[in-house]
């Protein structure tokens, strides 16, 4: 794409590194439901836990980066809940 900087060595566009760093720093803050039959359903990140985790990690996440974190979360939910 014109105007985009080259990808980093890890495959991320530089513009998305902050969002990925934020997501990975709180990737253990999931909410899930386990049904009596043992089926697990991931519902999303625990935002209170995420807020605390980001603060403890010393990360400041502006609204535009938070929106990217939520997009990563949505993709992760889709994959985590994939059946088959």
PDB file of N, CA and C in Angstrom:
ATOM      1  N   UNK A   1       0.834  -1.181   0.000  1.00  0.00           N
ATOM      2  CA  UNK A   1       0.000   0.000   0.000  1.00  0.00           C
ATOM      3  C   UNK A   1       0.877   1.242   0.000  1.00  0.00           C
ATOM      4  N   UNK A   2       0.541   2.199  -0.791  1.00  0.00           N
ATOM      5  CA  UNK A   2       1.314   3.436  -0.781  1.00  0.00           C
ATOM      6  C   UNK A   2       1.217   4.136   0.567  1.00  0.00           C
ATOM      7  N   UNK A   3       2.323   4.688   1.002  1.00  0.00           N
ATOM      8  CA  UNK A   3       2.359   5.448   2.238  1.00  0.00           C
ATOM      9  C   UNK A   3       2.544   4.618   3.496  1.00  0.00           C
ATOM     10  N   UNK A   4       2.510   3.294   3.363  1.00  0.00           N
ATOM     11  CA  UNK A   4       2.693   2.439   4.540  1.00  0.00           C
ATOM     12  C   UNK A   4       4.164   2.136   4.705  1.00  0.00           C
ATOM     13  N   UNK A   5       4.596   2.078   5.927  1.00  0.00           N
ATOM     14  CA  UNK A   5       5.967   1.687   6.201  1.00  0.00           C
ATOM     15  C   UNK A   5       6.091   0.171   6.107  1.00  0.00           C
ATOM     16  N   UNK A   6       7.295  -0.313   5.937  1.00  0.00           N
ATOM     17  CA  UNK A   6       7.536  -1.742   5.814  1.00  0.00           C
ATOM     18  C   UNK A   6       7.156  -2.462   7.104  1.00  0.00           C
ATOM     19  N   UNK A   7       6.842  -3.736   6.949  1.00  0.00           N
ATOM     20  CA  UNK A   7       6.530  -4.567   8.108  1.00  0.00           C
ATOM     21  C   UNK A   7       7.764  -4.745   8.974  1.00  0.00           C
ATOM     22  N   UNK A   8       7.524  -5.013  10.244  1.00  0.00           N
ATOM     23  CA  UNK A   8       8.627  -5.316  11.148  1.00  0.00           C
ATOM     24  C   UNK A   8       9.045  -6.760  10.923  1.00  0.00           C
ATOM     25  N   UNK A   9      10.130  -7.174  11.530  1.00  0.00           N
ATOM     26  CA  UNK A   9      10.611  -8.546  11.371  1.00  0.00           C
ATOM     27  C   UNK A   9       9.606  -9.583  11.852  1.00  0.00           C
ATOM     28  N   UNK A  10       8.718  -9.204  12.762  1.00  0.00           N
ATOM     29  CA  UNK A  10       7.736 -10.158  13.277  1.00  0.00           C
ATOM     30  C   UNK A  10       6.441 -10.179  12.472  1.00  0.00           C
ATOM     31  N   UNK A  11       6.395  -9.463  11.359  1.00  0.00           N
ATOM     32  CA  UNK A  11       5.230  -9.489  10.484  1.00  0.00           C
ATOM     33  C   UNK A  11       4.182  -8.439  10.770  1.00  0.00           C
ATOM     34  N   UNK A  12       4.392  -7.597  11.770  1.00  0.00           N
ATOM     35  CA  UNK A  12       3.424  -6.555  12.087  1.00  0.00           C
ATOM     36  C   UNK A  12       3.774  -5.256  11.365  1.00  0.00           C
ATOM     37  N   UNK A  13       2.739  -4.536  10.966  1.00  0.00           N
ATOM     38  CA  UNK A  13       2.979  -3.182  10.496  1.00  0.00           C
ATOM     39  C   UNK A  13       3.366  -2.353  11.717  1.00  0.00           C
ATOM     40  N   UNK A  14       4.321  -1.458  11.585  1.00  0.00           N
ATOM     41  CA  UNK A  14       4.745  -0.632  12.734  1.00  0.00           C
ATOM     42  C   UNK A  14       3.589   0.104  13.409  1.00  0.00           C
ATOM     43  N   UNK A  15       2.576   0.488  12.632  1.00  0.00           N
ATOM     44  CA  UNK A  15       1.433   1.207  13.204  1.00  0.00           C
ATOM     45  C   UNK A  15       0.617   0.353  14.173  1.00  0.00           C
ATOM     46  N   UNK A  16       0.801  -0.969  14.139  1.00  0.00           N
ATOM     47  CA  UNK A  16      -0.002  -1.866  14.969  1.00  0.00           C
ATOM     48  C   UNK A  16       0.777  -2.472  16.144  1.00  0.00           C
ATOM     49  N   UNK A  17       2.026  -2.124  16.257  1.00  0.00           N
ATOM     50  CA  UNK A  17       2.860  -2.705  17.314  1.00  0.00           C
ATOM     51  C   UNK A  17       2.347  -2.329  18.701  1.00  0.00           C
ATOM     52  N   UNK A  18       1.948  -1.087  18.908  1.00  0.00           N
ATOM     53  CA  UNK A  18       1.470  -0.665  20.231  1.00  0.00           C
ATOM     54  C   UNK A  18       0.216  -1.440  20.644  1.00  0.00           C
ATOM     55  N   UNK A  19      -0.704  -1.638  19.707  1.00  0.00           N
ATOM     56  CA  UNK A  19      -1.930  -2.378  20.019  1.00  0.00           C
ATOM     57  C   UNK A  19      -1.611  -3.836  20.342  1.00  0.00           C
ATOM     58  N   UNK A  20      -0.720  -4.438  19.590  1.00  0.00           N
ATOM     59  CA  UNK A  20      -0.370  -5.832  19.856  1.00  0.00           C
ATOM     60  C   UNK A  20       0.356  -5.953  21.187  1.00  0.00           C
ATOM     61  N   UNK A  21       1.237  -5.021  21.477  1.00  0.00           N
ATOM     62  CA  UNK A  21       1.948  -5.033  22.768  1.00  0.00           C
ATOM     63  C   UNK A  21       0.944  -4.919  23.916  1.00  0.00           C
ATOM     64  N   UNK A  22      -0.030  -4.023  23.775  1.00  0.00           N
ATOM     65  CA  UNK A  22      -1.052  -3.860  24.808  1.00  0.00           C
ATOM     66  C   UNK A  22      -1.866  -5.141  24.963  1.00  0.00           C
ATOM     67  N   UNK A  23      -2.299  -5.719  23.842  1.00  0.00           N
ATOM     68  CA  UNK A  23      -3.091  -6.947  23.906  1.00  0.00           C
ATOM     69  C   UNK A  23      -2.313  -8.077  24.571  1.00  0.00           C
ATOM     70  N   UNK A  24      -1.085  -8.259  24.170  1.00  0.00           N
ATOM     71  CA  UNK A  24      -0.291  -9.355  24.728  1.00  0.00           C
ATOM     72  C   UNK A  24      -0.002  -9.161  26.206  1.00  0.00           C
ATOM     73  N   UNK A  25       0.051  -7.909  26.663  1.00  0.00           N
ATOM     74  CA  UNK A  25       0.335  -7.672  28.081  1.00  0.00           C
ATOM     75  C   UNK A  25      -0.849  -8.030  28.972  1.00  0.00           C
ATOM     76  N   UNK A  26      -2.039  -8.138  28.383  1.00  0.00           N
ATOM     77  CA  UNK A  26      -3.234  -8.475  29.175  1.00  0.00           C
ATOM     78  C   UNK A  26      -3.960  -9.706  28.625  1.00  0.00           C
ATOM     79  N   UNK A  27      -3.266 -10.501  27.838  1.00  0.00           N
ATOM     80  CA  UNK A  27      -3.895 -11.641  27.169  1.00  0.00           C
ATOM     81  C   UNK A  27      -4.347 -12.734  28.126  1.00  0.00           C
ATOM     82  N   UNK A  28      -4.082 -12.590  29.406  1.00  0.00           N
ATOM     83  CA  UNK A  28      -4.555 -13.567  30.386  1.00  0.00           C
ATOM     84  C   UNK A  28      -5.811 -13.082  31.102  1.00  0.00           C
ATOM     85  N   UNK A  29      -6.400 -12.006  30.638  1.00  0.00           N
ATOM     86  CA  UNK A  29      -7.563 -11.401  31.308  1.00  0.00           C
ATOM     87  C   UNK A  29      -8.880 -11.756  30.617  1.00  0.00           C
ATOM     88  N   UNK A  30      -9.047 -13.016  30.239  1.00  0.00           N
ATOM     89  CA  UNK A  30     -10.246 -13.437  29.518  1.00  0.00           C
ATOM     90  C   UNK A  30     -11.392 -13.762  30.450  1.00  0.00           C
ATOM     91  N   UNK A  31     -12.584 -13.476  29.977  1.00  0.00           N
ATOM     92  CA  UNK A  31     -13.812 -13.950  30.627  1.00  0.00           C
ATOM     93  C   UNK A  31     -14.296 -15.131  29.794  1.00  0.00           C
ATOM     94  N   UNK A  32     -14.748 -16.142  30.495  1.00  0.00           N
ATOM     95  CA  UNK A  32     -15.255 -17.316  29.799  1.00  0.00           C
ATOM     96  C   UNK A  32     -16.401 -17.921  30.590  1.00  0.00           C
ATOM     97  N   UNK A  33     -17.213 -18.668  29.874  1.00  0.00           N
ATOM     98  CA  UNK A  33     -18.315 -19.394  30.481  1.00  0.00           C
ATOM     99  C   UNK A  33     -18.070 -20.864  30.177  1.00  0.00           C
ATOM    100  N   UNK A  34     -18.189 -21.699  31.197  1.00  0.00           N
ATOM    101  CA  UNK A  34     -18.084 -23.137  30.994  1.00  0.00           C
ATOM    102  C   UNK A  34     -19.450 -23.726  31.319  1.00  0.00           C
ATOM    103  N   UNK A  35     -20.039 -24.392  30.329  1.00  0.00           N
ATOM    104  CA  UNK A  35     -21.359 -24.976  30.485  1.00  0.00           C
ATOM    105  C   UNK A  35     -21.259 -26.339  31.174  1.00  0.00           C
ATOM    106  N   UNK A  36     -22.370 -26.815  31.753  1.00  0.00           N
ATOM    107  CA  UNK A  36     -22.343 -28.099  32.460  1.00  0.00           C
ATOM    108  C   UNK A  36     -21.815 -29.275  31.616  1.00  0.00           C
ATOM    109  N   UNK A  37     -21.977 -29.184  30.297  1.00  0.00           N
ATOM    110  CA  UNK A  37     -21.482 -30.259  29.435  1.00  0.00           C
ATOM    111  C   UNK A  37     -19.989 -30.121  29.128  1.00  0.00           C
ATOM    112  N   UNK A  38     -19.345 -29.127  29.745  1.00  0.00           N
ATOM    113  CA  UNK A  38     -17.912 -28.941  29.564  1.00  0.00           C
ATOM    114  C   UNK A  38     -17.521 -28.011  28.433  1.00  0.00           C
ATOM    115  N   UNK A  39     -18.496 -27.568  27.644  1.00  0.00           N
ATOM    116  CA  UNK A  39     -18.194 -26.648  26.543  1.00  0.00           C
ATOM    117  C   UNK A  39     -17.811 -25.295  27.111  1.00  0.00           C
ATOM    118  N   UNK A  40     -16.713 -24.762  26.608  1.00  0.00           N
ATOM    119  CA  UNK A  40     -16.196 -23.467  27.055  1.00  0.00           C
ATOM    120  C   UNK A  40     -16.516 -22.420  25.985  1.00  0.00           C
ATOM    121  N   UNK A  41     -16.999 -21.263  26.434  1.00  0.00           N
ATOM    122  CA  UNK A  41     -17.289 -20.146  25.533  1.00  0.00           C
ATOM    123  C   UNK A  41     -16.531 -18.922  26.029  1.00  0.00           C
ATOM    124  N   UNK A  42     -15.667 -18.416  25.194  1.00  0.00           N
ATOM    125  CA  UNK A  42     -14.891 -17.216  25.530  1.00  0.00           C
ATOM    126  C   UNK A  42     -15.742 -16.003  25.173  1.00  0.00           C
ATOM    127  N   UNK A  43     -15.941 -15.096  26.137  1.00  0.00           N
ATOM    128  CA  UNK A  43     -16.838 -13.963  25.911  1.00  0.00           C
ATOM    129  C   UNK A  43     -16.110 -12.646  25.670  1.00  0.00           C
ATOM    130  N   UNK A  44     -14.850 -12.565  26.016  1.00  0.00           N
ATOM    131  CA  UNK A  44     -14.088 -11.342  25.797  1.00  0.00           C
ATOM    132  C   UNK A  44     -13.147 -11.074  26.955  1.00  0.00           C
ATOM    133  N   UNK A  45     -12.431 -10.002  26.837  1.00  0.00           N
ATOM    134  CA  UNK A  45     -11.511  -9.604  27.891  1.00  0.00           C
ATOM    135  C   UNK A  45     -12.264  -8.990  29.058  1.00  0.00           C
ATOM    136  N   UNK A  46     -11.755  -9.185  30.248  1.00  0.00           N
ATOM    137  CA  UNK A  46     -12.274  -8.546  31.452  1.00  0.00           C
ATOM    138  C   UNK A  46     -11.676  -7.140  31.473  1.00  0.00           C
ATOM    139  N   UNK A  47     -12.475  -6.150  31.105  1.00  0.00           N
ATOM    140  CA  UNK A  47     -11.942  -4.802  30.905  1.00  0.00           C
ATOM    141  C   UNK A  47     -11.398  -4.177  32.182  1.00  0.00           C
ATOM    142  N   UNK A  48     -11.956  -4.515  33.336  1.00  0.00           N
ATOM    143  CA  UNK A  48     -11.392  -4.000  34.592  1.00  0.00           C
ATOM    144  C   UNK A  48     -10.001  -4.585  34.804  1.00  0.00           C
ATOM    145  N   UNK A  49      -9.850  -5.886  34.543  1.00  0.00           N
ATOM    146  CA  UNK A  49      -8.546  -6.525  34.643  1.00  0.00           C
ATOM    147  C   UNK A  49      -7.573  -5.977  33.613  1.00  0.00           C
ATOM    148  N   UNK A  50      -8.080  -5.704  32.424  1.00  0.00           N
ATOM    149  CA  UNK A  50      -7.244  -5.125  31.373  1.00  0.00           C
ATOM    150  C   UNK A  50      -6.741  -3.751  31.787  1.00  0.00           C
ATOM    151  N   UNK A  51      -7.635  -2.939  32.318  1.00  0.00           N
ATOM    152  CA  UNK A  51      -7.236  -1.590  32.747  1.00  0.00           C
ATOM    153  C   UNK A  51      -6.146  -1.665  33.814  1.00  0.00           C
ATOM    154  N   UNK A  52      -6.320  -2.556  34.773  1.00  0.00           N
ATOM    155  CA  UNK A  52      -5.310  -2.712  35.828  1.00  0.00           C
ATOM    156  C   UNK A  52      -4.008  -3.253  35.244  1.00  0.00           C
ATOM    157  N   UNK A  53      -4.098  -4.236  34.367  1.00  0.00           N
ATOM    158  CA  UNK A  53      -2.900  -4.819  33.764  1.00  0.00           C
ATOM    159  C   UNK A  53      -2.119  -3.814  32.942  1.00  0.00           C
ATOM    160  N   UNK A  54      -2.821  -3.008  32.165  1.00  0.00           N
ATOM    161  CA  UNK A  54      -2.141  -1.981  31.365  1.00  0.00           C
ATOM    162  C   UNK A  54      -1.449  -0.967  32.269  1.00  0.00           C
ATOM    163  N   UNK A  55      -2.142  -0.556  33.336  1.00  0.00           N
ATOM    164  CA  UNK A  55      -1.553   0.413  34.263  1.00  0.00           C
ATOM    165  C   UNK A  55      -0.305  -0.167  34.925  1.00  0.00           C
ATOM    166  N   UNK A  56      -0.396  -1.414  35.371  1.00  0.00           N
ATOM    167  CA  UNK A  56       0.752  -2.047  36.019  1.00  0.00           C
ATOM    168  C   UNK A  56       1.915  -2.254  35.054  1.00  0.00           C
ATOM    169  N   UNK A  57       1.597  -2.430  33.771  1.00  0.00           N
ATOM    170  CA  UNK A  57       2.644  -2.591  32.765  1.00  0.00           C
ATOM    171  C   UNK A  57       3.207  -1.236  32.322  1.00  0.00           C
ATOM    172  N   UNK A  58       2.613  -0.151  32.821  1.00  0.00           N
ATOM    173  CA  UNK A  58       3.075   1.187  32.448  1.00  0.00           C
ATOM    174  C   UNK A  58       2.709   1.573  31.031  1.00  0.00           C
ATOM    175  N   UNK A  59       1.631   0.966  30.503  1.00  0.00           N
ATOM    176  CA  UNK A  59       1.214   1.254  29.134  1.00  0.00           C
ATOM    177  C   UNK A  59       0.038   2.217  29.123  1.00  0.00           C
ATOM    178  N   UNK A  60       0.178   3.261  28.342  1.00  0.00           N
ATOM    179  CA  UNK A  60      -0.900   4.206  28.132  1.00  0.00           C
ATOM    180  C   UNK A  60      -1.518   3.881  26.772  1.00  0.00           C
ATOM    181  N   UNK A  61      -2.823   3.638  26.754  1.00  0.00           N
ATOM    182  CA  UNK A  61      -3.482   3.221  25.525  1.00  0.00           C
ATOM    183  C   UNK A  61      -4.513   4.279  25.137  1.00  0.00           C
ATOM    184  N   UNK A  62      -4.204   5.086  24.125  1.00  0.00           N
ATOM    185  CA  UNK A  62      -5.164   6.093  23.666  1.00  0.00           C
ATOM    186  C   UNK A  62      -6.351   5.411  22.965  1.00  0.00           C
ATOM    187  N   UNK A  63      -7.472   6.115  22.800  1.00  0.00           N
ATOM    188  CA  UNK A  63      -8.677   5.509  22.221  1.00  0.00           C
ATOM    189  C   UNK A  63      -8.458   4.809  20.877  1.00  0.00           C
ATOM    190  N   UNK A  64      -7.647   5.365  20.017  1.00  0.00           N
ATOM    191  CA  UNK A  64      -7.450   4.732  18.704  1.00  0.00           C
ATOM    192  C   UNK A  64      -6.698   3.397  18.828  1.00  0.00           C
ATOM    193  N   UNK A  65      -5.790   3.312  19.785  1.00  0.00           N
ATOM    194  CA  UNK A  65      -5.087   2.049  20.035  1.00  0.00           C
ATOM    195  C   UNK A  65      -6.019   1.067  20.718  1.00  0.00           C
ATOM    196  N   UNK A  66      -6.865   1.553  21.626  1.00  0.00           N
ATOM    197  CA  UNK A  66      -7.827   0.676  22.293  1.00  0.00           C
ATOM    198  C   UNK A  66      -8.762   0.044  21.261  1.00  0.00           C
ATOM    199  N   UNK A  67      -9.162   0.805  20.255  1.00  0.00           N
ATOM    200  CA  UNK A  67     -10.021   0.245  19.205  1.00  0.00           C
ATOM    201  C   UNK A  67      -9.300  -0.889  18.472  1.00  0.00           C
ATOM    202  N   UNK A  68      -8.018  -0.742  18.239  1.00  0.00           N
ATOM    203  CA  UNK A  68      -7.246  -1.823  17.610  1.00  0.00           C
ATOM    204  C   UNK A  68      -7.158  -3.039  18.535  1.00  0.00           C
ATOM    205  N   UNK A  69      -6.984  -2.798  19.834  1.00  0.00           N
ATOM    206  CA  UNK A  69      -6.956  -3.907  20.802  1.00  0.00           C
ATOM    207  C   UNK A  69      -8.292  -4.649  20.749  1.00  0.00           C
ATOM    208  N   UNK A  70      -9.381  -3.932  20.663  1.00  0.00           N
ATOM    209  CA  UNK A  70     -10.706  -4.564  20.586  1.00  0.00           C
ATOM    210  C   UNK A  70     -10.875  -5.349  19.294  1.00  0.00           C
ATOM    211  N   UNK A  71     -10.270  -4.899  18.214  1.00  0.00           N
ATOM    212  CA  UNK A  71     -10.319  -5.667  16.962  1.00  0.00           C
ATOM    213  C   UNK A  71      -9.526  -6.973  17.105  1.00  0.00           C
ATOM    214  N   UNK A  72      -8.384  -6.902  17.759  1.00  0.00           N
ATOM    215  CA  UNK A  72      -7.599  -8.117  18.026  1.00  0.00           C
ATOM    216  C   UNK A  72      -8.425  -9.055  18.906  1.00  0.00           C
ATOM    217  N   UNK A  73      -9.063  -8.491  19.937  1.00  0.00           N
ATOM    218  CA  UNK A  73      -9.918  -9.285  20.819  1.00  0.00           C
ATOM    219  C   UNK A  73     -11.023  -9.989  20.032  1.00  0.00           C
ATOM    220  N   UNK A  74     -11.672  -9.285  19.128  1.00  0.00           N
ATOM    221  CA  UNK A  74     -12.767  -9.869  18.338  1.00  0.00           C
ATOM    222  C   UNK A  74     -12.260 -11.047  17.503  1.00  0.00           C
ATOM    223  N   UNK A  75     -11.099 -10.888  16.883  1.00  0.00           N
ATOM    224  CA  UNK A  75     -10.525 -11.983  16.115  1.00  0.00           C
ATOM    225  C   UNK A  75     -10.159 -13.168  16.987  1.00  0.00           C
ATOM    226  N   UNK A  76      -9.645 -12.872  18.179  1.00  0.00           N
ATOM    227  CA  UNK A  76      -9.279 -13.940  19.105  1.00  0.00           C
ATOM    228  C   UNK A  76     -10.510 -14.688  19.592  1.00  0.00           C
ATOM    229  N   UNK A  77     -11.582 -13.964  19.893  1.00  0.00           N
ATOM    230  CA  UNK A  77     -12.837 -14.606  20.322  1.00  0.00           C
ATOM    231  C   UNK A  77     -13.333 -15.554  19.244  1.00  0.00           C
ATOM    232  N   UNK A  78     -13.297 -15.090  18.012  1.00  0.00           N
ATOM    233  CA  UNK A  78     -13.756 -15.925  16.894  1.00  0.00           C
ATOM    234  C   UNK A  78     -12.951 -17.224  16.820  1.00  0.00           C
ATOM    235  N   UNK A  79     -11.652 -17.117  16.941  1.00  0.00           N
ATOM    236  CA  UNK A  79     -10.796 -18.309  16.869  1.00  0.00           C
ATOM    237  C   UNK A  79     -10.966 -19.211  18.091  1.00  0.00           C
ATOM    238  N   UNK A  80     -11.019 -18.604  19.272  1.00  0.00           N
ATOM    239  CA  UNK A  80     -11.149 -19.385  20.504  1.00  0.00           C
ATOM    240  C   UNK A  80     -12.468 -20.169  20.534  1.00  0.00           C
ATOM    241  N   UNK A  81     -13.508 -19.594  19.952  1.00  0.00           N
ATOM    242  CA  UNK A  81     -14.814 -20.244  19.981  1.00  0.00           C
ATOM    243  C   UNK A  81     -15.105 -21.075  18.732  1.00  0.00           C
ATOM    244  N   UNK A  82     -14.134 -21.204  17.863  1.00  0.00           N
ATOM    245  CA  UNK A  82     -14.319 -22.002  16.648  1.00  0.00           C
ATOM    246  C   UNK A  82     -14.565 -23.454  17.050  1.00  0.00           C
ATOM    247  N   UNK A  83     -15.569 -24.028  16.459  1.00  0.00           N
ATOM    248  CA  UNK A  83     -15.904 -25.433  16.739  1.00  0.00           C
ATOM    249  C   UNK A  83     -15.540 -26.259  15.521  1.00  0.00           C
ATOM    250  N   UNK A  84     -14.960 -27.406  15.768  1.00  0.00           N
ATOM    251  CA  UNK A  84     -14.681 -28.296  14.642  1.00  0.00           C
ATOM    252  C   UNK A  84     -13.267 -28.523  14.496  1.00  0.00           C
TER     253      UNK A  84
END
